[in-house]
Amino acid sequence: MTHSDDAAEFEPGEQFSGETAEQLMTRLEKDPAYLQRRDRRRNRLRKVAEEREAVAKPIVQELQSIGLNIGSIDDLVKENVPLSNDAVAVLLKNIASCKEPIVCEMLVRGLISATEPFNGHDLTVAYDNTYHEALRFAILNTIACARPFNIAHGLKTDQPNAHIQKALKSLGY
């Protein structure tokens, strides 16, 4: 059986021993190799989370300075915070310069709560400039939910996607 940091404990086709999840965890908690892999993974995830928080912190502070009561970028989505035009402008500005796809995705998803229609040009530019599929999906979902204007000439793809074009047409774009 080979191991990588994120590998399952059993190889495909390997016989299941019949032990319960509780028994498996008891056995794994005594396995030094498992504990090392788990700790390395936790440390990597913690470091990634800290890096993302550092990227998002100035954006959160800017949103707080205009009266948004949030503690993190995640709060925009989790709490469905209604966004004023000023808050939308902050998000769009930061989407345009964002380099961290997960942070960008949260900013994009936050736009769903815009209280008024907004110019979606920056969303189409962000879509065209990324190949990160989760971010692209978030952009399309936000366009479908928030219905921004000025996206008619955006959303270019390397290969025309008939499904995207059909969805946009059904939304009136």
Protein backbone atom coordinates (compact mmCIF):
# COMPACT_ATOMS: atom_id res chain seq x y z
CA MET A 1 0.00 0.00 0.00
CA THR A 2 1.43 3.40 -0.99
CA HIS A 3 0.79 6.60 0.90
CA SER A 4 0.63 10.24 -0.09
CA ASP A 5 -0.33 13.11 2.18
CA ASP A 6 -3.97 13.04 1.16
CA ALA A 7 -4.35 9.37 0.17
CA ALA A 8 -7.11 7.17 1.49
CA GLU A 9 -6.09 4.52 4.00
CA PHE A 10 -7.12 1.68 1.66
CA GLU A 11 -6.09 1.08 -1.93
CA PRO A 12 -8.81 0.40 -4.54
CA GLY A 13 -9.68 -3.28 -4.52
CA GLU A 14 -8.09 -3.90 -1.10
CA GLN A 15 -10.22 -6.04 1.18
CA PHE A 16 -12.12 -4.16 3.87
CA SER A 17 -11.25 -5.51 7.31
CA GLY A 18 -14.73 -4.97 8.73
CA GLU A 19 -13.57 -2.55 11.42
CA THR A 20 -15.83 0.32 12.39
CA ALA A 21 -14.92 3.96 11.83
CA GLU A 22 -14.24 4.28 15.54
CA GLN A 23 -11.88 1.29 15.47
CA LEU A 24 -10.12 2.64 12.40
CA MET A 25 -9.58 6.04 14.03
CA THR A 26 -8.29 4.40 17.21
CA ARG A 27 -5.79 2.43 15.13
CA LEU A 28 -4.78 5.47 13.07
CA GLU A 29 -4.27 7.63 16.16
CA LYS A 30 -1.53 5.16 17.16
CA ASP A 31 0.14 5.16 13.72
CA PRO A 32 3.10 7.62 13.65
CA ALA A 33 3.09 7.81 9.83
CA TYR A 34 -0.60 8.74 9.80
CA LEU A 35 -0.09 11.34 12.54
CA GLN A 36 2.78 12.92 10.60
CA ARG A 37 0.71 13.06 7.37
CA ARG A 38 -2.25 14.52 9.28
CA ASP A 39 -0.07 17.17 10.95
CA ARG A 40 1.62 18.12 7.67
CA ARG A 41 -1.77 18.49 6.00
CA ARG A 42 -3.17 20.55 8.88
CA ASN A 43 -0.13 22.82 8.78
CA ARG A 44 -0.46 23.32 5.01
CA LEU A 45 -4.15 24.13 5.34
CA ARG A 46 -3.51 26.54 8.23
CA LYS A 47 -0.82 28.32 6.22
CA VAL A 48 -3.10 28.63 3.18
CA ALA A 49 -5.92 29.98 5.38
CA GLU A 50 -3.56 32.54 6.95
CA GLU A 51 -2.36 33.66 3.51
CA ARG A 52 -5.95 34.07 2.30
CA GLU A 53 -6.88 35.99 5.43
CA ALA A 54 -3.92 38.33 4.86
CA VAL A 55 -5.09 38.97 1.28
CA ALA A 56 -8.68 39.58 2.41
CA LYS A 57 -7.93 41.71 5.49
CA PRO A 58 -7.53 45.07 3.66
CA ILE A 59 -10.74 44.41 1.71
CA VAL A 60 -12.64 43.65 4.93
CA GLN A 61 -11.24 46.84 6.50
CA GLU A 62 -12.31 48.89 3.47
CA LEU A 63 -15.82 47.43 3.65
CA GLN A 64 -15.95 48.09 7.39
CA SER A 65 -14.88 51.71 6.78
CA ILE A 66 -18.02 52.27 4.68
CA GLY A 67 -20.27 50.78 7.34
CA LEU A 68 -20.46 47.07 6.55
CA ASN A 69 -20.50 45.08 9.77
CA ILE A 70 -18.48 42.01 8.74
CA GLY A 71 -15.56 40.19 10.30
CA SER A 72 -14.40 38.34 7.20
CA ILE A 73 -15.01 38.00 3.48
CA ASP A 74 -16.91 34.79 4.22
CA ASP A 75 -19.48 36.85 6.15
CA LEU A 76 -20.59 38.48 2.90
CA VAL A 77 -21.91 35.17 1.66
CA LYS A 78 -22.80 33.37 4.89
CA GLU A 79 -24.83 36.25 6.27
CA ASN A 80 -26.20 37.49 2.91
CA VAL A 81 -25.26 41.06 3.83
CA PRO A 82 -27.20 43.61 1.71
CA LEU A 83 -24.67 45.63 -0.28
CA SER A 84 -24.94 49.32 -1.01
CA ASN A 85 -23.55 50.77 -4.24
CA ASP A 86 -20.41 51.80 -2.32
CA ALA A 87 -19.86 48.24 -1.10
CA VAL A 88 -20.42 46.88 -4.62
CA ALA A 89 -17.82 49.35 -5.92
CA VAL A 90 -15.31 48.09 -3.34
CA LEU A 91 -15.94 44.48 -4.31
CA LEU A 92 -15.71 45.15 -8.06
CA LYS A 93 -12.48 47.12 -7.61
CA ASN A 94 -10.95 44.28 -5.64
CA ILE A 95 -12.22 41.60 -8.03
CA ALA A 96 -10.41 43.41 -10.83
CA SER A 97 -7.08 43.21 -8.98
CA CYS A 98 -7.55 39.94 -7.07
CA LYS A 99 -4.95 37.20 -7.62
CA GLU A 100 -6.20 34.64 -5.07
CA PRO A 101 -9.03 32.62 -6.70
CA ILE A 102 -10.74 31.63 -3.44
CA VAL A 103 -10.83 35.24 -2.21
CA CYS A 104 -12.04 36.37 -5.65
CA GLU A 105 -14.77 33.75 -5.52
CA MET A 106 -16.02 35.04 -2.17
CA LEU A 107 -16.01 38.64 -3.44
CA VAL A 108 -17.95 37.58 -6.54
CA ARG A 109 -20.46 35.58 -4.51
CA GLY A 110 -20.92 38.56 -2.19
CA LEU A 111 -22.21 40.59 -5.15
CA ILE A 112 -25.36 38.47 -5.21
CA SER A 113 -26.58 40.62 -2.30
CA ALA A 114 -26.29 43.91 -4.19
CA THR A 115 -29.34 46.01 -3.43
CA GLU A 116 -29.33 47.66 -6.88
CA PRO A 117 -28.26 46.60 -10.37
CA PHE A 118 -24.57 47.18 -11.07
CA ASN A 119 -22.18 47.28 -14.00
CA GLY A 120 -21.05 43.69 -14.58
CA HIS A 121 -18.16 44.50 -16.92
CA ASP A 122 -15.54 43.68 -14.26
CA LEU A 123 -17.17 40.27 -13.77
CA THR A 124 -16.85 39.47 -17.46
CA VAL A 125 -13.21 40.57 -17.43
CA ALA A 126 -12.54 38.37 -14.39
CA TYR A 127 -14.26 35.46 -16.15
CA ASP A 128 -12.18 35.96 -19.28
CA ASN A 129 -8.94 36.20 -17.28
CA THR A 130 -9.23 33.00 -15.26
CA TYR A 131 -9.35 29.29 -15.89
CA HIS A 132 -10.23 28.56 -12.26
CA GLU A 133 -13.51 26.68 -12.73
CA ALA A 134 -14.98 27.43 -9.29
CA LEU A 135 -14.42 31.15 -9.86
CA ARG A 136 -15.94 30.95 -13.33
CA PHE A 137 -18.97 29.14 -11.93
CA ALA A 138 -19.34 31.77 -9.17
CA ILE A 139 -19.23 34.54 -11.78
CA LEU A 140 -21.92 32.89 -13.90
CA ASN A 141 -24.04 32.18 -10.84
CA THR A 142 -23.72 35.79 -9.68
CA ILE A 143 -24.72 37.06 -13.12
CA ALA A 144 -27.77 34.78 -13.04
CA CYS A 145 -28.78 35.91 -9.54
CA ALA A 146 -27.83 39.60 -9.46
CA ARG A 147 -28.57 40.33 -13.13
CA PRO A 148 -25.93 43.04 -13.62
CA PHE A 149 -25.94 45.18 -16.74
CA ASN A 150 -23.15 45.66 -19.32
CA ILE A 151 -22.16 42.03 -19.78
CA ALA A 152 -23.42 41.55 -23.33
CA HIS A 153 -19.95 41.63 -24.91
CA GLY A 154 -18.16 39.71 -22.18
CA LEU A 155 -17.72 36.10 -21.20
CA LYS A 156 -15.45 35.10 -24.02
CA THR A 157 -14.30 31.52 -24.01
CA ASP A 158 -11.54 29.75 -25.88
CA GLN A 159 -14.18 27.43 -27.26
CA PRO A 160 -17.72 28.76 -27.46
CA ASN A 161 -19.76 27.04 -24.78
CA ALA A 162 -23.28 26.46 -26.08
CA HIS A 163 -24.64 25.84 -22.57
CA ILE A 164 -23.32 29.19 -21.27
CA GLN A 165 -24.58 31.03 -24.34
CA LYS A 166 -28.03 29.40 -24.01
CA ALA A 167 -28.22 30.26 -20.29
CA LEU A 168 -27.23 33.88 -20.91
CA LYS A 169 -29.78 34.15 -23.73
CA SER A 170 -32.52 32.81 -21.44
CA LEU A 171 -31.56 35.48 -18.90
CA GLY A 172 -31.99 38.17 -21.55
CA TYR A 173 -28.31 38.85 -22.30
